[in-house]
Amino acid sequence: MKEKVGHCSRCGKEVFCLDGFLNGVLDEEKNLFCFECADQPTN
């Protein structure tokens, strides 16, 4: 099952939940990021 949960806070890409697993990262401030943006260092 694939369910859209929101958009990446950095690039705007759609982030999905795939079979109950978040296909992205949620940080301490509850910002949602795709895996590509989550791997990039913050400035």
PDB file of N, CA and C in Angstrom:
ATOM      1  N   MET A   1       0.846  -1.170   0.000  1.00  0.00           N
ATOM      2  CA  MET A   1       0.000   0.000   0.000  1.00  0.00           C
ATOM      3  C   MET A   1       0.890   1.231   0.000  1.00  0.00           C
ATOM      4  N   LYS A   2       0.531   2.246  -0.765  1.00  0.00           N
ATOM      5  CA  LYS A   2       1.290   3.478  -0.893  1.00  0.00           C
ATOM      6  C   LYS A   2       0.375   4.642  -0.548  1.00  0.00           C
ATOM      7  N   GLU A   3       0.758   5.427   0.460  1.00  0.00           N
ATOM      8  CA  GLU A   3      -0.070   6.548   0.903  1.00  0.00           C
ATOM      9  C   GLU A   3       0.782   7.808   1.008  1.00  0.00           C
ATOM     10  N   LYS A   4       0.353   8.868   0.360  1.00  0.00           N
ATOM     11  CA  LYS A   4       1.067  10.138   0.420  1.00  0.00           C
ATOM     12  C   LYS A   4       0.902  10.743   1.816  1.00  0.00           C
ATOM     13  N   VAL A   5       2.042  11.143   2.435  1.00  0.00           N
ATOM     14  CA  VAL A   5       1.976  11.725   3.780  1.00  0.00           C
ATOM     15  C   VAL A   5       2.334  13.208   3.788  1.00  0.00           C
ATOM     16  N   GLY A   6       2.926  13.713   2.731  1.00  0.00           N
ATOM     17  CA  GLY A   6       3.258  15.137   2.677  1.00  0.00           C
ATOM     18  C   GLY A   6       4.347  15.417   1.660  1.00  0.00           C
ATOM     19  N   HIS A   7       4.961  16.602   1.821  1.00  0.00           N
ATOM     20  CA  HIS A   7       6.026  17.045   0.923  1.00  0.00           C
ATOM     21  C   HIS A   7       7.285  17.336   1.723  1.00  0.00           C
ATOM     22  N   CYS A   8       8.430  17.125   1.089  1.00  0.00           N
ATOM     23  CA  CYS A   8       9.723  17.403   1.699  1.00  0.00           C
ATOM     24  C   CYS A   8       9.807  18.893   2.028  1.00  0.00           C
ATOM     25  N   SER A   9      10.250  19.209   3.233  1.00  0.00           N
ATOM     26  CA  SER A   9      10.370  20.598   3.669  1.00  0.00           C
ATOM     27  C   SER A   9      11.464  21.353   2.922  1.00  0.00           C
ATOM     28  N   ARG A  10      12.385  20.638   2.314  1.00  0.00           N
ATOM     29  CA  ARG A  10      13.495  21.291   1.623  1.00  0.00           C
ATOM     30  C   ARG A  10      13.255  21.416   0.120  1.00  0.00           C
ATOM     31  N   CYS A  11      12.923  20.311  -0.562  1.00  0.00           N
ATOM     32  CA  CYS A  11      12.813  20.338  -2.027  1.00  0.00           C
ATOM     33  C   CYS A  11      11.375  20.280  -2.540  1.00  0.00           C
ATOM     34  N   GLY A  12      10.420  19.926  -1.679  1.00  0.00           N
ATOM     35  CA  GLY A  12       9.024  19.884  -2.091  1.00  0.00           C
ATOM     36  C   GLY A  12       8.569  18.571  -2.705  1.00  0.00           C
ATOM     37  N   LYS A  13       9.480  17.596  -2.797  1.00  0.00           N
ATOM     38  CA  LYS A  13       9.135  16.281  -3.362  1.00  0.00           C
ATOM     39  C   LYS A  13       8.101  15.580  -2.481  1.00  0.00           C
ATOM     40  N   GLU A  14       7.178  14.851  -3.114  1.00  0.00           N
ATOM     41  CA  GLU A  14       6.176  14.107  -2.349  1.00  0.00           C
ATOM     42  C   GLU A  14       6.841  12.984  -1.560  1.00  0.00           C
ATOM     43  N   VAL A  15       6.401  12.797  -0.308  1.00  0.00           N
ATOM     44  CA  VAL A  15       6.913  11.737   0.550  1.00  0.00           C
ATOM     45  C   VAL A  15       5.750  10.793   0.847  1.00  0.00           C
ATOM     46  N   PHE A  16       6.019   9.494   0.751  1.00  0.00           N
ATOM     47  CA  PHE A  16       4.982   8.483   0.903  1.00  0.00           C
ATOM     48  C   PHE A  16       5.263   7.551   2.070  1.00  0.00           C
ATOM     49  N   CYS A  17       4.231   6.883   2.516  1.00  0.00           N
ATOM     50  CA  CYS A  17       4.324   5.787   3.463  1.00  0.00           C
ATOM     51  C   CYS A  17       4.095   4.526   2.627  1.00  0.00           C
ATOM     52  N   LEU A  18       5.074   3.625   2.634  1.00  0.00           N
ATOM     53  CA  LEU A  18       4.994   2.406   1.829  1.00  0.00           C
ATOM     54  C   LEU A  18       4.842   1.204   2.739  1.00  0.00           C
ATOM     55  N   ASP A  19       3.708   0.564   2.666  1.00  0.00           N
ATOM     56  CA  ASP A  19       3.410  -0.621   3.478  1.00  0.00           C
ATOM     57  C   ASP A  19       3.668  -0.385   4.964  1.00  0.00           C
ATOM     58  N   GLY A  20       3.314   0.807   5.446  1.00  0.00           N
ATOM     59  CA  GLY A  20       3.449   1.118   6.866  1.00  0.00           C
ATOM     60  C   GLY A  20       4.778   1.720   7.262  1.00  0.00           C
ATOM     61  N   PHE A  21       5.707   1.896   6.323  1.00  0.00           N
ATOM     62  CA  PHE A  21       7.013   2.468   6.625  1.00  0.00           C
ATOM     63  C   PHE A  21       7.164   3.819   5.940  1.00  0.00           C
ATOM     64  N   LEU A  22       7.568   4.828   6.699  1.00  0.00           N
ATOM     65  CA  LEU A  22       7.763   6.171   6.157  1.00  0.00           C
ATOM     66  C   LEU A  22       8.954   6.165   5.211  1.00  0.00           C
ATOM     67  N   ASN A  23       8.738   6.622   3.993  1.00  0.00           N
ATOM     68  CA  ASN A  23       9.782   6.680   2.981  1.00  0.00           C
ATOM     69  C   ASN A  23      10.440   8.056   3.018  1.00  0.00           C
ATOM     70  N   GLY A  24      10.900   8.449   4.203  1.00  0.00           N
ATOM     71  CA  GLY A  24      11.528   9.741   4.420  1.00  0.00           C
ATOM     72  C   GLY A  24      11.962   9.846   5.867  1.00  0.00           C
ATOM     73  N   VAL A  25      12.242  11.080   6.306  1.00  0.00           N
ATOM     74  CA  VAL A  25      12.735  11.319   7.657  1.00  0.00           C
ATOM     75  C   VAL A  25      11.929  12.431   8.295  1.00  0.00           C
ATOM     76  N   LEU A  26      11.558  12.227   9.554  1.00  0.00           N
ATOM     77  CA  LEU A  26      10.854  13.237  10.341  1.00  0.00           C
ATOM     78  C   LEU A  26      11.812  13.680  11.440  1.00  0.00           C
ATOM     79  N   ASP A  27      12.153  14.998  11.495  1.00  0.00           N
ATOM     80  CA  ASP A  27      13.133  15.447  12.492  1.00  0.00           C
ATOM     81  C   ASP A  27      12.453  15.822  13.808  1.00  0.00           C
ATOM     82  N   GLU A  28      13.252  16.338  14.754  1.00  0.00           N
ATOM     83  CA  GLU A  28      12.750  16.663  16.094  1.00  0.00           C
ATOM     84  C   GLU A  28      11.658  17.729  16.066  1.00  0.00           C
ATOM     85  N   GLU A  29      11.753  18.661  15.109  1.00  0.00           N
ATOM     86  CA  GLU A  29      10.751  19.725  14.991  1.00  0.00           C
ATOM     87  C   GLU A  29       9.562  19.318  14.129  1.00  0.00           C
ATOM     88  N   LYS A  30       9.487  18.034  13.800  1.00  0.00           N
ATOM     89  CA  LYS A  30       8.408  17.454  12.990  1.00  0.00           C
ATOM     90  C   LYS A  30       8.406  17.963  11.549  1.00  0.00           C
ATOM     91  N   ASN A  31       9.606  18.276  11.018  1.00  0.00           N
ATOM     92  CA  ASN A  31       9.768  18.612   9.608  1.00  0.00           C
ATOM     93  C   ASN A  31       9.983  17.317   8.838  1.00  0.00           C
ATOM     94  N   LEU A  32       9.338  17.203   7.692  1.00  0.00           N
ATOM     95  CA  LEU A  32       9.406  16.003   6.865  1.00  0.00           C
ATOM     96  C   LEU A  32      10.398  16.222   5.732  1.00  0.00           C
ATOM     97  N   PHE A  33      11.313  15.256   5.527  1.00  0.00           N
ATOM     98  CA  PHE A  33      12.308  15.336   4.462  1.00  0.00           C
ATOM     99  C   PHE A  33      12.334  14.038   3.676  1.00  0.00           C
ATOM    100  N   CYS A  34      12.596  14.147   2.354  1.00  0.00           N
ATOM    101  CA  CYS A  34      12.840  12.941   1.564  1.00  0.00           C
ATOM    102  C   CYS A  34      14.234  12.427   1.946  1.00  0.00           C
ATOM    103  N   PHE A  35      14.554  11.199   1.604  1.00  0.00           N
ATOM    104  CA  PHE A  35      15.848  10.627   1.984  1.00  0.00           C
ATOM    105  C   PHE A  35      17.016  11.408   1.363  1.00  0.00           C
ATOM    106  N   GLU A  36      16.864  11.904   0.135  1.00  0.00           N
ATOM    107  CA  GLU A  36      17.947  12.630  -0.509  1.00  0.00           C
ATOM    108  C   GLU A  36      18.293  13.906   0.260  1.00  0.00           C
ATOM    109  N   CYS A  37      17.289  14.659   0.682  1.00  0.00           N
ATOM    110  CA  CYS A  37      17.529  15.896   1.421  1.00  0.00           C
ATOM    111  C   CYS A  37      17.983  15.614   2.848  1.00  0.00           C
ATOM    112  N   ALA A  38      17.505  14.547   3.443  1.00  0.00           N
ATOM    113  CA  ALA A  38      17.905  14.206   4.812  1.00  0.00           C
ATOM    114  C   ALA A  38      19.374  13.842   4.875  1.00  0.00           C
ATOM    115  N   ASP A  39      19.936  13.313   3.783  1.00  0.00           N
ATOM    116  CA  ASP A  39      21.346  12.942   3.757  1.00  0.00           C
ATOM    117  C   ASP A  39      22.279  14.126   3.528  1.00  0.00           C
ATOM    118  N   GLN A  40      21.725  15.258   3.076  1.00  0.00           N
ATOM    119  CA  GLN A  40      22.548  16.443   2.817  1.00  0.00           C
ATOM    120  C   GLN A  40      22.802  17.190   4.119  1.00  0.00           C
ATOM    121  N   PRO A  41      24.037  17.699   4.304  1.00  0.00           N
ATOM    122  CA  PRO A  41      24.323  18.484   5.510  1.00  0.00           C
ATOM    123  C   PRO A  41      23.577  19.809   5.483  1.00  0.00           C
ATOM    124  N   THR A  42      23.201  20.294   6.663  1.00  0.00           N
ATOM    125  CA  THR A  42      22.532  21.592   6.758  1.00  0.00           C
ATOM    126  C   THR A  42      23.582  22.691   6.802  1.00  0.00           C
ATOM    127  N   ASN A  43      23.251  23.837   6.265  1.00  0.00           N
ATOM    128  CA  ASN A  43      24.196  24.967   6.235  1.00  0.00           C
ATOM    129  C   ASN A  43      24.069  25.814   7.454  1.00  0.00           C
TER     130      ASN A  43
END
